N, C-alpha and C. Protein backbone atom coordinates (compact mmCIF):
# COMPACT_ATOMS: atom_id res chain seq x y z
N MET A 1 -66.08 -41.53 31.54
CA MET A 1 -64.87 -42.19 31.15
C MET A 1 -63.88 -41.14 30.71
N ALA A 2 -62.67 -41.33 31.04
CA ALA A 2 -61.64 -40.34 30.79
C ALA A 2 -61.10 -40.44 29.37
N ALA A 3 -60.42 -39.39 28.96
CA ALA A 3 -59.81 -39.38 27.64
C ALA A 3 -58.53 -38.58 27.69
N VAL A 4 -57.66 -38.86 26.77
CA VAL A 4 -56.42 -38.13 26.65
C VAL A 4 -56.43 -37.44 25.31
N THR A 5 -56.18 -36.16 25.29
CA THR A 5 -56.11 -35.42 24.04
C THR A 5 -54.88 -34.54 24.07
N GLY A 6 -54.55 -33.94 22.94
CA GLY A 6 -53.37 -33.09 22.85
C GLY A 6 -53.70 -31.77 22.23
N THR A 7 -52.71 -31.17 21.59
CA THR A 7 -52.90 -29.85 21.01
C THR A 7 -52.64 -29.87 19.52
N ALA A 8 -53.15 -28.87 18.84
CA ALA A 8 -52.91 -28.68 17.41
C ALA A 8 -53.00 -27.19 17.14
N SER A 9 -52.97 -26.81 15.88
CA SER A 9 -53.02 -25.39 15.57
C SER A 9 -54.37 -24.80 15.97
N ARG A 10 -54.38 -23.51 16.26
CA ARG A 10 -55.59 -22.83 16.73
C ARG A 10 -56.76 -23.06 15.77
N GLY A 11 -57.90 -23.46 16.33
CA GLY A 11 -59.11 -23.66 15.55
C GLY A 11 -59.21 -25.05 14.92
N ALA A 12 -58.12 -25.76 14.83
CA ALA A 12 -58.15 -27.10 14.25
C ALA A 12 -58.49 -28.11 15.35
N ALA A 13 -58.90 -29.28 14.92
CA ALA A 13 -59.18 -30.33 15.90
C ALA A 13 -57.90 -30.66 16.65
N ALA A 14 -57.96 -30.58 17.95
CA ALA A 14 -56.81 -30.90 18.78
C ALA A 14 -56.73 -32.40 19.00
N GLY A 15 -57.85 -33.06 18.90
CA GLY A 15 -57.91 -34.49 19.12
C GLY A 15 -59.32 -34.92 19.43
N TYR A 16 -59.45 -36.07 20.03
CA TYR A 16 -60.76 -36.62 20.35
C TYR A 16 -60.76 -37.11 21.78
N ALA A 17 -61.93 -37.12 22.38
CA ALA A 17 -62.10 -37.60 23.74
C ALA A 17 -63.29 -38.56 23.79
N VAL A 18 -63.19 -39.57 24.63
CA VAL A 18 -64.29 -40.49 24.87
C VAL A 18 -64.95 -40.03 26.16
N THR A 19 -66.22 -39.67 26.07
CA THR A 19 -66.94 -39.11 27.22
C THR A 19 -67.59 -40.20 28.07
N ALA A 20 -68.16 -39.78 29.17
CA ALA A 20 -68.85 -40.69 30.09
C ALA A 20 -70.08 -41.34 29.46
N ALA A 21 -70.53 -40.83 28.33
CA ALA A 21 -71.67 -41.42 27.63
C ALA A 21 -71.33 -42.75 26.97
N CYS A 22 -70.06 -43.10 26.96
CA CYS A 22 -69.59 -44.33 26.32
C CYS A 22 -70.33 -45.55 26.88
N ALA A 23 -70.86 -46.37 25.97
CA ALA A 23 -71.58 -47.58 26.35
C ALA A 23 -70.65 -48.80 26.39
N GLY A 24 -69.40 -48.62 26.01
CA GLY A 24 -68.44 -49.70 26.06
C GLY A 24 -68.55 -50.72 24.94
N CYS A 25 -69.14 -50.36 23.82
CA CYS A 25 -69.33 -51.31 22.73
C CYS A 25 -68.03 -51.64 22.00
N GLY A 26 -67.05 -50.73 22.03
CA GLY A 26 -65.76 -50.96 21.39
C GLY A 26 -65.71 -50.65 19.92
N ALA A 27 -66.76 -50.08 19.35
CA ALA A 27 -66.77 -49.77 17.92
C ALA A 27 -65.63 -48.83 17.54
N CYS A 28 -65.39 -47.82 18.36
CA CYS A 28 -64.32 -46.86 18.06
C CYS A 28 -62.96 -47.53 18.15
N LEU A 29 -62.79 -48.36 19.15
CA LEU A 29 -61.53 -49.07 19.36
C LEU A 29 -61.21 -49.96 18.17
N LEU A 30 -62.21 -50.66 17.66
CA LEU A 30 -62.01 -51.56 16.52
C LEU A 30 -61.85 -50.82 15.20
N THR A 31 -62.40 -49.63 15.09
CA THR A 31 -62.38 -48.87 13.85
C THR A 31 -61.12 -48.03 13.68
N CYS A 32 -60.52 -47.61 14.75
CA CYS A 32 -59.38 -46.69 14.69
C CYS A 32 -58.23 -47.30 13.88
N PRO A 33 -57.87 -46.67 12.74
CA PRO A 33 -56.79 -47.21 11.90
C PRO A 33 -55.41 -47.08 12.54
N GLU A 34 -55.27 -46.20 13.51
CA GLU A 34 -53.98 -45.97 14.17
C GLU A 34 -53.87 -46.72 15.50
N HIS A 35 -54.94 -47.41 15.91
CA HIS A 35 -54.98 -48.11 17.20
C HIS A 35 -54.68 -47.14 18.34
N ALA A 36 -55.26 -45.93 18.23
CA ALA A 36 -55.02 -44.87 19.21
C ALA A 36 -56.02 -44.88 20.35
N ILE A 37 -57.00 -45.75 20.31
CA ILE A 37 -57.99 -45.83 21.39
C ILE A 37 -57.73 -47.09 22.17
N ARG A 38 -57.56 -46.92 23.47
CA ARG A 38 -57.17 -48.04 24.33
C ARG A 38 -57.99 -48.03 25.61
N PRO A 39 -58.09 -49.17 26.26
CA PRO A 39 -58.72 -49.19 27.60
C PRO A 39 -57.85 -48.38 28.56
N SER A 40 -58.50 -47.66 29.47
CA SER A 40 -57.75 -46.88 30.45
C SER A 40 -57.60 -47.68 31.74
N HIS A 41 -56.66 -47.27 32.57
CA HIS A 41 -56.45 -47.93 33.86
C HIS A 41 -57.61 -47.70 34.81
N GLU A 42 -58.34 -46.59 34.61
CA GLU A 42 -59.48 -46.25 35.47
C GLU A 42 -60.79 -46.84 34.97
N GLY A 43 -60.74 -47.55 33.87
CA GLY A 43 -61.95 -48.05 33.24
C GLY A 43 -62.32 -47.15 32.08
N GLY A 44 -63.08 -47.62 31.16
CA GLY A 44 -63.44 -46.83 29.99
C GLY A 44 -62.34 -46.85 28.95
N LEU A 45 -62.38 -45.90 28.06
CA LEU A 45 -61.43 -45.82 26.96
C LEU A 45 -60.76 -44.46 26.93
N VAL A 46 -59.54 -44.42 26.39
CA VAL A 46 -58.82 -43.15 26.21
C VAL A 46 -58.32 -43.07 24.77
N VAL A 47 -58.18 -41.86 24.29
CA VAL A 47 -57.60 -41.61 22.98
C VAL A 47 -56.16 -41.18 23.22
N LEU A 48 -55.22 -41.91 22.66
CA LEU A 48 -53.80 -41.58 22.80
C LEU A 48 -53.43 -40.57 21.73
N ASP A 49 -53.24 -39.34 22.15
CA ASP A 49 -53.00 -38.24 21.22
C ASP A 49 -51.78 -38.48 20.34
N ALA A 50 -50.76 -39.08 20.88
CA ALA A 50 -49.53 -39.30 20.10
C ALA A 50 -49.75 -40.24 18.91
N LEU A 51 -50.76 -41.08 18.99
CA LEU A 51 -51.05 -42.02 17.91
C LEU A 51 -52.19 -41.56 17.01
N CYS A 52 -53.05 -40.69 17.51
CA CYS A 52 -54.26 -40.27 16.78
C CYS A 52 -53.91 -39.45 15.55
N SER A 53 -54.46 -39.83 14.40
CA SER A 53 -54.24 -39.09 13.15
C SER A 53 -55.36 -38.08 12.89
N ARG A 54 -56.34 -38.02 13.79
CA ARG A 54 -57.46 -37.10 13.71
C ARG A 54 -58.33 -37.32 12.46
N CYS A 55 -58.49 -38.57 12.08
CA CYS A 55 -59.29 -38.91 10.90
C CYS A 55 -60.78 -38.80 11.18
N GLY A 56 -61.20 -38.96 12.44
CA GLY A 56 -62.60 -38.83 12.80
C GLY A 56 -63.43 -40.09 12.63
N GLU A 57 -62.82 -41.19 12.26
CA GLU A 57 -63.59 -42.42 12.07
C GLU A 57 -64.25 -42.88 13.37
N CYS A 58 -63.59 -42.64 14.49
CA CYS A 58 -64.15 -43.03 15.79
C CYS A 58 -65.45 -42.28 16.08
N VAL A 59 -65.50 -41.02 15.71
CA VAL A 59 -66.70 -40.21 15.91
C VAL A 59 -67.85 -40.75 15.07
N GLU A 60 -67.54 -41.12 13.84
CA GLU A 60 -68.56 -41.60 12.91
C GLU A 60 -69.18 -42.92 13.33
N VAL A 61 -68.41 -43.81 13.94
CA VAL A 61 -68.94 -45.14 14.27
C VAL A 61 -69.58 -45.24 15.64
N CYS A 62 -69.39 -44.26 16.49
CA CYS A 62 -69.93 -44.35 17.85
C CYS A 62 -71.46 -44.26 17.83
N PRO A 63 -72.14 -45.31 18.29
CA PRO A 63 -73.60 -45.32 18.24
C PRO A 63 -74.27 -44.40 19.27
N VAL A 64 -73.51 -43.95 20.28
CA VAL A 64 -74.10 -43.09 21.30
C VAL A 64 -73.46 -41.71 21.34
N ASP A 65 -72.69 -41.36 20.30
CA ASP A 65 -72.04 -40.05 20.21
C ASP A 65 -71.17 -39.73 21.42
N ALA A 66 -70.47 -40.74 21.93
CA ALA A 66 -69.62 -40.55 23.11
C ALA A 66 -68.22 -40.07 22.76
N VAL A 67 -67.83 -40.19 21.49
CA VAL A 67 -66.51 -39.71 21.07
C VAL A 67 -66.71 -38.32 20.49
N VAL A 68 -66.02 -37.37 21.09
CA VAL A 68 -66.20 -35.97 20.68
C VAL A 68 -64.88 -35.36 20.25
N GLU A 69 -64.98 -34.40 19.34
CA GLU A 69 -63.81 -33.66 18.88
C GLU A 69 -63.49 -32.59 19.91
N VAL A 70 -62.21 -32.46 20.20
CA VAL A 70 -61.75 -31.43 21.13
C VAL A 70 -61.02 -30.39 20.30
N ARG A 71 -61.40 -29.13 20.46
CA ARG A 71 -60.74 -28.05 19.70
C ARG A 71 -59.80 -27.31 20.61
N SER A 72 -58.73 -26.82 20.00
CA SER A 72 -57.74 -26.06 20.78
C SER A 72 -58.18 -24.62 20.95
């Protein structure tokens, strides 16, 4: 499953990505306080970098570790 991420300062979390390991449970989508995780046109979920506050709650709730931190 695809993901959208952006950039941040060197060494800091640039954002998050939803990997192909996603089981589609929607826990990350429901937990995101910024509503930055959305269904993608290709199927699966994407993280909208412009909305993501990089709080990491999506990573914590994913039961299959499919949401990963992307570093710049």
